Amino acid sequence: MRKQKYEIKRYVLTTVAVLIVSTLLCACAQGAAFNGNMTRDKDHFDMTFEILNTSYSHELEMKEGEALEVTVDVESGDLSLFIQKDDDKPNYQGNRIESAKFQVGIEAEGTYTLTVIGKRARGHVIVNRVGG
């Protein structure tokens, strides 16, 4: 009888432990900040993500008359994109943007910051320099 109680108790504790660990692992995956690939250099910013729950920024030195070609493919979640020179008014500000392709003209030489912000977002963002 004692052995049977011990076996039942052991089975229940093992089952509870497995359920707790499984729940914690699932919760961690849903709260991941970034799962994807990103490349960036002086001429482009390219980010593909399965999950984006944070923000990433990249600076580009731009000349007057140049443009930025932006391609956004949002599969799910919320995605925002900002393109701004220093503390000036943003050249482009898109909140909860959907899939699109467009250009943003550069009117003044300087350092422009591209910021991508995601909330449970899945998709692809490409920003390329286009000569003036």
N, C-alpha and C. Protein backbone atom coordinates (compact mmCIF):
# COMPACT_ATOMS: atom_id res chain seq x y z
N MET A 1 0.83 -1.19 0.00
CA MET A 1 0.00 0.00 0.00
C MET A 1 0.87 1.26 0.00
N ARG A 2 1.90 1.27 0.84
CA ARG A 2 2.79 2.41 0.91
C ARG A 2 3.50 2.63 -0.41
N LYS A 3 3.92 1.53 -1.02
CA LYS A 3 4.62 1.63 -2.29
C LYS A 3 3.70 2.20 -3.36
N GLN A 4 2.45 1.81 -3.36
CA GLN A 4 1.49 2.31 -4.34
C GLN A 4 1.25 3.82 -4.15
N LYS A 5 1.14 4.27 -2.90
CA LYS A 5 0.97 5.70 -2.63
C LYS A 5 2.20 6.47 -3.11
N TYR A 6 3.37 5.91 -2.85
CA TYR A 6 4.61 6.55 -3.29
C TYR A 6 4.63 6.68 -4.81
N GLU A 7 4.26 5.64 -5.52
CA GLU A 7 4.25 5.66 -6.99
C GLU A 7 3.26 6.70 -7.52
N ILE A 8 2.09 6.78 -6.92
CA ILE A 8 1.08 7.77 -7.35
C ILE A 8 1.60 9.18 -7.09
N LYS A 9 2.16 9.39 -5.92
CA LYS A 9 2.70 10.70 -5.57
C LYS A 9 3.82 11.09 -6.55
N ARG A 10 4.69 10.16 -6.84
CA ARG A 10 5.79 10.42 -7.78
C ARG A 10 5.26 10.74 -9.17
N TYR A 11 4.25 10.02 -9.62
CA TYR A 11 3.65 10.26 -10.94
C TYR A 11 3.02 11.65 -11.01
N VAL A 12 2.28 12.03 -9.98
CA VAL A 12 1.63 13.34 -9.94
C VAL A 12 2.68 14.45 -9.93
N LEU A 13 3.70 14.34 -9.12
CA LEU A 13 4.74 15.36 -9.06
C LEU A 13 5.50 15.47 -10.39
N THR A 14 5.78 14.36 -11.02
CA THR A 14 6.46 14.38 -12.32
C THR A 14 5.59 15.05 -13.37
N THR A 15 4.31 14.73 -13.39
CA THR A 15 3.38 15.33 -14.35
C THR A 15 3.28 16.84 -14.13
N VAL A 16 3.17 17.26 -12.89
CA VAL A 16 3.09 18.69 -12.58
C VAL A 16 4.37 19.39 -13.01
N ALA A 17 5.52 18.80 -12.74
CA ALA A 17 6.79 19.40 -13.13
C ALA A 17 6.89 19.55 -14.65
N VAL A 18 6.48 18.54 -15.39
CA VAL A 18 6.51 18.61 -16.85
C VAL A 18 5.58 19.70 -17.36
N LEU A 19 4.40 19.83 -16.77
CA LEU A 19 3.46 20.88 -17.18
C LEU A 19 4.01 22.28 -16.88
N ILE A 20 4.63 22.45 -15.76
CA ILE A 20 5.20 23.76 -15.41
C ILE A 20 6.33 24.13 -16.37
N VAL A 21 7.22 23.20 -16.63
CA VAL A 21 8.33 23.46 -17.55
C VAL A 21 7.80 23.76 -18.96
N SER A 22 6.82 23.00 -19.42
CA SER A 22 6.23 23.24 -20.75
C SER A 22 5.59 24.62 -20.83
N THR A 23 4.87 25.00 -19.81
CA THR A 23 4.23 26.32 -19.78
C THR A 23 5.27 27.43 -19.82
N LEU A 24 6.34 27.30 -19.04
CA LEU A 24 7.39 28.31 -19.02
C LEU A 24 8.09 28.42 -20.38
N LEU A 25 8.35 27.30 -21.02
CA LEU A 25 9.00 27.33 -22.33
C LEU A 25 8.11 27.99 -23.38
N CYS A 26 6.83 27.72 -23.34
CA CYS A 26 5.91 28.35 -24.29
C CYS A 26 5.82 29.85 -24.04
N ALA A 27 5.78 30.25 -22.79
CA ALA A 27 5.69 31.67 -22.46
C ALA A 27 6.95 32.41 -22.91
N CYS A 28 8.10 31.78 -22.79
CA CYS A 28 9.35 32.42 -23.23
C CYS A 28 9.37 32.62 -24.73
N ALA A 29 8.89 31.68 -25.49
CA ALA A 29 8.89 31.79 -26.95
C ALA A 29 7.98 32.93 -27.40
N GLN A 30 6.85 33.11 -26.75
CA GLN A 30 5.91 34.16 -27.14
C GLN A 30 6.45 35.54 -26.80
N GLY A 31 7.29 35.65 -25.80
CA GLY A 31 7.82 36.93 -25.38
C GLY A 31 9.16 37.25 -26.00
N ALA A 32 9.60 36.48 -26.97
CA ALA A 32 10.90 36.71 -27.60
C ALA A 32 10.94 38.09 -28.22
N ALA A 33 12.09 38.75 -28.13
CA ALA A 33 12.22 40.10 -28.66
C ALA A 33 12.47 40.08 -30.17
N PHE A 34 13.32 39.16 -30.64
CA PHE A 34 13.65 39.13 -32.06
C PHE A 34 14.08 37.74 -32.46
N ASN A 35 13.48 37.26 -33.53
CA ASN A 35 13.89 36.00 -34.14
C ASN A 35 13.90 36.24 -35.63
N GLY A 36 15.07 36.38 -36.22
CA GLY A 36 15.16 36.66 -37.64
C GLY A 36 16.58 36.95 -38.06
N ASN A 37 16.71 37.61 -39.21
CA ASN A 37 18.02 37.97 -39.75
C ASN A 37 18.02 39.45 -40.10
N MET A 38 19.21 40.06 -39.94
CA MET A 38 19.31 41.47 -40.25
C MET A 38 20.69 41.73 -40.86
N THR A 39 20.69 42.52 -41.95
CA THR A 39 21.94 43.02 -42.51
C THR A 39 21.80 44.52 -42.69
N ARG A 40 22.90 45.22 -42.50
CA ARG A 40 22.87 46.67 -42.65
C ARG A 40 24.28 47.15 -42.96
N ASP A 41 24.34 48.17 -43.82
CA ASP A 41 25.61 48.80 -44.13
C ASP A 41 25.34 50.25 -44.52
N LYS A 42 26.29 50.90 -45.18
CA LYS A 42 26.16 52.33 -45.47
C LYS A 42 25.10 52.63 -46.52
N ASP A 43 24.61 51.61 -47.23
CA ASP A 43 23.64 51.82 -48.29
C ASP A 43 22.29 51.15 -48.08
N HIS A 44 22.19 50.28 -47.09
CA HIS A 44 20.91 49.57 -46.93
C HIS A 44 20.70 49.02 -45.52
N PHE A 45 19.44 48.65 -45.29
CA PHE A 45 19.00 48.01 -44.04
C PHE A 45 18.01 46.95 -44.47
N ASP A 46 18.24 45.71 -44.09
CA ASP A 46 17.39 44.59 -44.51
C ASP A 46 17.13 43.70 -43.30
N MET A 47 15.86 43.56 -42.94
CA MET A 47 15.48 42.78 -41.77
C MET A 47 14.33 41.84 -42.10
N THR A 48 14.55 40.56 -41.90
CA THR A 48 13.50 39.55 -42.03
C THR A 48 13.28 38.98 -40.63
N PHE A 49 12.02 38.87 -40.21
CA PHE A 49 11.79 38.43 -38.84
C PHE A 49 10.55 37.54 -38.74
N GLU A 50 10.71 36.50 -37.94
CA GLU A 50 9.59 35.63 -37.58
C GLU A 50 8.83 36.24 -36.41
N ILE A 51 9.60 36.92 -35.55
CA ILE A 51 8.99 37.63 -34.43
C ILE A 51 9.82 38.89 -34.15
N LEU A 52 9.13 40.01 -33.99
CA LEU A 52 9.78 41.27 -33.64
C LEU A 52 8.95 41.93 -32.55
N ASN A 53 9.51 41.99 -31.35
CA ASN A 53 8.85 42.60 -30.19
C ASN A 53 9.77 43.64 -29.57
N THR A 54 10.44 44.40 -30.41
CA THR A 54 11.39 45.39 -29.94
C THR A 54 11.62 46.40 -31.06
N SER A 55 12.63 47.25 -30.91
CA SER A 55 12.94 48.20 -31.97
C SER A 55 14.41 48.08 -32.36
N TYR A 56 14.69 48.36 -33.62
CA TYR A 56 16.05 48.41 -34.13
C TYR A 56 16.21 49.68 -34.94
N SER A 57 17.39 50.29 -34.81
CA SER A 57 17.69 51.50 -35.55
C SER A 57 18.98 51.34 -36.33
N HIS A 58 19.08 52.13 -37.39
CA HIS A 58 20.27 52.13 -38.23
C HIS A 58 20.45 53.52 -38.80
N GLU A 59 21.67 54.01 -38.82
CA GLU A 59 21.95 55.34 -39.33
C GLU A 59 22.55 55.28 -40.73
N LEU A 60 22.10 56.19 -41.59
CA LEU A 60 22.63 56.31 -42.94
C LEU A 60 23.04 57.77 -43.18
N GLU A 61 24.23 57.96 -43.73
CA GLU A 61 24.66 59.29 -44.14
C GLU A 61 24.09 59.53 -45.53
N MET A 62 23.23 60.55 -45.64
CA MET A 62 22.54 60.82 -46.90
C MET A 62 22.92 62.20 -47.43
N LYS A 63 22.84 62.34 -48.76
CA LYS A 63 23.09 63.62 -49.42
C LYS A 63 21.78 64.18 -49.97
N GLU A 64 21.73 65.48 -50.08
CA GLU A 64 20.55 66.13 -50.66
C GLU A 64 20.29 65.58 -52.06
N GLY A 65 19.02 65.29 -52.34
CA GLY A 65 18.62 64.78 -53.64
C GLY A 65 18.58 63.27 -53.73
N GLU A 66 19.18 62.57 -52.77
CA GLU A 66 19.08 61.12 -52.75
C GLU A 66 17.70 60.73 -52.23
N ALA A 67 17.41 59.43 -52.27
CA ALA A 67 16.14 58.93 -51.76
C ALA A 67 16.36 57.57 -51.10
N LEU A 68 15.40 57.19 -50.31
CA LEU A 68 15.39 55.86 -49.71
C LEU A 68 14.22 55.08 -50.29
N GLU A 69 14.52 53.93 -50.86
CA GLU A 69 13.46 53.05 -51.38
C GLU A 69 13.11 52.07 -50.27
N VAL A 70 11.86 52.07 -49.89
CA VAL A 70 11.39 51.27 -48.75
C VAL A 70 10.43 50.20 -49.25
N THR A 71 10.70 48.96 -48.85
CA THR A 71 9.80 47.84 -49.14
C THR A 71 9.43 47.20 -47.81
N VAL A 72 8.13 47.12 -47.53
CA VAL A 72 7.66 46.55 -46.27
C VAL A 72 6.67 45.43 -46.58
N ASP A 73 6.88 44.27 -45.97
CA ASP A 73 5.97 43.15 -46.11
C ASP A 73 5.60 42.69 -44.70
N VAL A 74 4.39 43.03 -44.27
CA VAL A 74 3.94 42.67 -42.93
C VAL A 74 2.99 41.47 -43.05
N GLU A 75 3.38 40.35 -42.46
CA GLU A 75 2.54 39.16 -42.48
C GLU A 75 1.58 39.11 -41.30
N SER A 76 2.04 39.64 -40.15
CA SER A 76 1.17 39.68 -38.97
C SER A 76 1.76 40.64 -37.94
N GLY A 77 0.94 41.02 -36.97
CA GLY A 77 1.37 41.91 -35.91
C GLY A 77 1.36 43.37 -36.32
N ASP A 78 1.93 44.21 -35.45
CA ASP A 78 1.99 45.65 -35.69
C ASP A 78 3.43 46.06 -35.97
N LEU A 79 3.61 46.87 -37.01
CA LEU A 79 4.94 47.34 -37.38
C LEU A 79 4.90 48.84 -37.61
N SER A 80 5.89 49.53 -37.06
CA SER A 80 6.03 50.97 -37.28
C SER A 80 7.41 51.25 -37.85
N LEU A 81 7.50 52.30 -38.67
CA LEU A 81 8.76 52.67 -39.30
C LEU A 81 8.90 54.19 -39.24
N PHE A 82 10.08 54.65 -38.82
CA PHE A 82 10.37 56.07 -38.75
C PHE A 82 11.68 56.34 -39.48
N ILE A 83 11.71 57.40 -40.27
CA ILE A 83 12.92 57.87 -40.93
C ILE A 83 13.05 59.34 -40.56
N GLN A 84 14.17 59.67 -39.89
CA GLN A 84 14.29 61.01 -39.31
C GLN A 84 15.74 61.48 -39.32
N LYS A 85 15.93 62.77 -39.63
CA LYS A 85 17.25 63.40 -39.56
C LYS A 85 17.37 64.09 -38.21
N ASP A 86 18.38 63.69 -37.46
CA ASP A 86 18.66 64.29 -36.15
C ASP A 86 17.37 64.41 -35.33
N ASP A 87 17.09 65.60 -34.81
CA ASP A 87 15.87 65.82 -34.02
C ASP A 87 14.79 66.52 -34.83
N ASP A 88 14.98 66.57 -36.16
CA ASP A 88 14.00 67.21 -37.03
C ASP A 88 12.70 66.41 -37.06
N LYS A 89 11.70 67.01 -37.66
CA LYS A 89 10.44 66.31 -37.89
C LYS A 89 10.74 65.10 -38.79
N PRO A 90 10.13 63.95 -38.52
CA PRO A 90 10.41 62.77 -39.34
C PRO A 90 10.08 62.99 -40.83
N ASN A 91 10.96 62.49 -41.68
CA ASN A 91 10.69 62.51 -43.13
C ASN A 91 9.58 61.51 -43.45
N TYR A 92 9.54 60.44 -42.67
CA TYR A 92 8.48 59.44 -42.82
C TYR A 92 8.16 58.89 -41.45
N GLN A 93 6.89 58.76 -41.16
CA GLN A 93 6.42 58.15 -39.91
C GLN A 93 5.24 57.28 -40.25
N GLY A 94 5.40 55.98 -40.08
CA GLY A 94 4.31 55.05 -40.35
C GLY A 94 4.03 54.19 -39.14
N ASN A 95 2.85 54.32 -38.57
CA ASN A 95 2.43 53.50 -37.44
C ASN A 95 1.47 52.43 -37.95
N ARG A 96 1.68 51.21 -37.46
CA ARG A 96 0.82 50.08 -37.85
C ARG A 96 0.71 50.00 -39.38
N ILE A 97 1.87 50.07 -40.02
CA ILE A 97 1.88 50.06 -41.48
C ILE A 97 1.61 48.67 -42.01
N GLU A 98 1.11 48.64 -43.23
CA GLU A 98 0.85 47.38 -43.92
C GLU A 98 1.87 47.25 -45.03
N SER A 99 1.82 46.17 -45.76
CA SER A 99 2.77 45.93 -46.84
C SER A 99 2.69 47.06 -47.86
N ALA A 100 3.87 47.56 -48.28
CA ALA A 100 3.91 48.68 -49.21
C ALA A 100 5.31 48.80 -49.80
N LYS A 101 5.39 49.57 -50.88
CA LYS A 101 6.67 49.92 -51.49
C LYS A 101 6.59 51.39 -51.87
N PHE A 102 7.58 52.19 -51.41
CA PHE A 102 7.55 53.63 -51.66
C PHE A 102 8.95 54.20 -51.53
N GLN A 103 9.10 55.48 -51.89
CA GLN A 103 10.36 56.18 -51.76
C GLN A 103 10.19 57.39 -50.84
N VAL A 104 11.24 57.70 -50.10
CA VAL A 104 11.28 58.86 -49.23
C VAL A 104 12.42 59.75 -49.73
N GLY A 105 12.09 60.95 -50.17
CA GLY A 105 13.09 61.88 -50.67
C GLY A 105 13.89 62.53 -49.56
N ILE A 106 15.17 62.78 -49.84
CA ILE A 106 16.06 63.42 -48.88
C ILE A 106 16.29 64.86 -49.34
N GLU A 107 15.89 65.82 -48.51
CA GLU A 107 15.98 67.23 -48.88
C GLU A 107 17.21 67.92 -48.30
N ALA A 108 17.82 67.33 -47.29
CA ALA A 108 19.00 67.95 -46.68
C ALA A 108 20.03 66.88 -46.32
N GLU A 109 21.28 67.21 -46.54
CA GLU A 109 22.37 66.29 -46.22
C GLU A 109 22.44 66.09 -44.72
N GLY A 110 22.77 64.86 -44.30
CA GLY A 110 22.93 64.60 -42.88
C GLY A 110 22.79 63.13 -42.54
N THR A 111 22.76 62.87 -41.26
CA THR A 111 22.60 61.51 -40.74
C THR A 111 21.13 61.24 -40.50
N TYR A 112 20.63 60.20 -41.15
CA TYR A 112 19.22 59.83 -41.02
C TYR A 112 19.14 58.51 -40.26
N THR A 113 18.22 58.48 -39.30
CA THR A 113 18.03 57.28 -38.49
C THR A 113 16.76 56.57 -38.95
N LEU A 114 16.92 55.29 -39.28
CA LEU A 114 15.79 54.41 -39.62
C LEU A 114 15.47 53.63 -38.36
N THR A 115 14.23 53.65 -37.94
CA THR A 115 13.83 52.89 -36.75
C THR A 115 12.64 52.01 -37.10
N VAL A 116 12.79 50.72 -36.85
CA VAL A 116 11.72 49.74 -37.06
C VAL A 116 11.28 49.24 -35.69
N ILE A 117 9.97 49.32 -35.43
CA ILE A 117 9.42 48.89 -34.15
C ILE A 117 8.34 47.85 -34.41
N GLY A 118 8.45 46.73 -33.73
CA GLY A 118 7.46 45.66 -33.91
C GLY A 118 6.81 45.25 -32.63
N LYS A 119 5.56 44.83 -32.76
CA LYS A 119 4.81 44.25 -31.65
C LYS A 119 4.16 42.98 -32.19
N ARG A 120 4.72 41.86 -31.80
CA ARG A 120 4.29 40.55 -32.31
C ARG A 120 4.26 40.56 -33.84
N ALA A 121 5.25 41.23 -34.42
CA ALA A 121 5.28 41.38 -35.88
C ALA A 121 6.06 40.25 -36.54
N ARG A 122 5.62 39.95 -37.75
CA ARG A 122 6.29 38.97 -38.60
C ARG A 122 6.33 39.56 -40.00
N GLY A 123 7.51 39.58 -40.63
CA GLY A 123 7.59 40.14 -41.96
C GLY A 123 8.99 40.43 -42.42
N HIS A 124 9.10 41.50 -43.27
CA HIS A 124 10.35 41.83 -43.93
C HIS A 124 10.37 43.33 -44.22
N VAL A 125 11.47 43.99 -43.90
CA VAL A 125 11.65 45.41 -44.18
C VAL A 125 12.98 45.59 -44.91
N ILE A 126 12.93 46.30 -46.05
CA ILE A 126 14.15 46.61 -46.79
C ILE A 126 14.17 48.11 -47.06
N VAL A 127 15.29 48.75 -46.75
CA VAL A 127 15.46 50.17 -47.06
C VAL A 127 16.79 50.30 -47.82
N ASN A 128 16.73 50.81 -49.06
CA ASN A 128 17.92 50.97 -49.90
C ASN A 128 18.11 52.42 -50.29
N ARG A 129 19.37 52.84 -50.35
CA ARG A 129 19.72 54.16 -50.85
C ARG A 129 19.53 54.16 -52.36
N VAL A 130 18.91 55.24 -52.87
CA VAL A 130 18.74 55.43 -54.30
C VAL A 130 19.41 56.75 -54.64
N GLY A 131 20.34 56.73 -55.61
CA GLY A 131 21.08 57.94 -55.98
C GLY A 131 20.20 59.05 -56.47
N GLY A 132 20.69 60.28 -56.33
CA GLY A 132 19.90 61.45 -56.69
C GLY A 132 20.13 61.96 -58.07
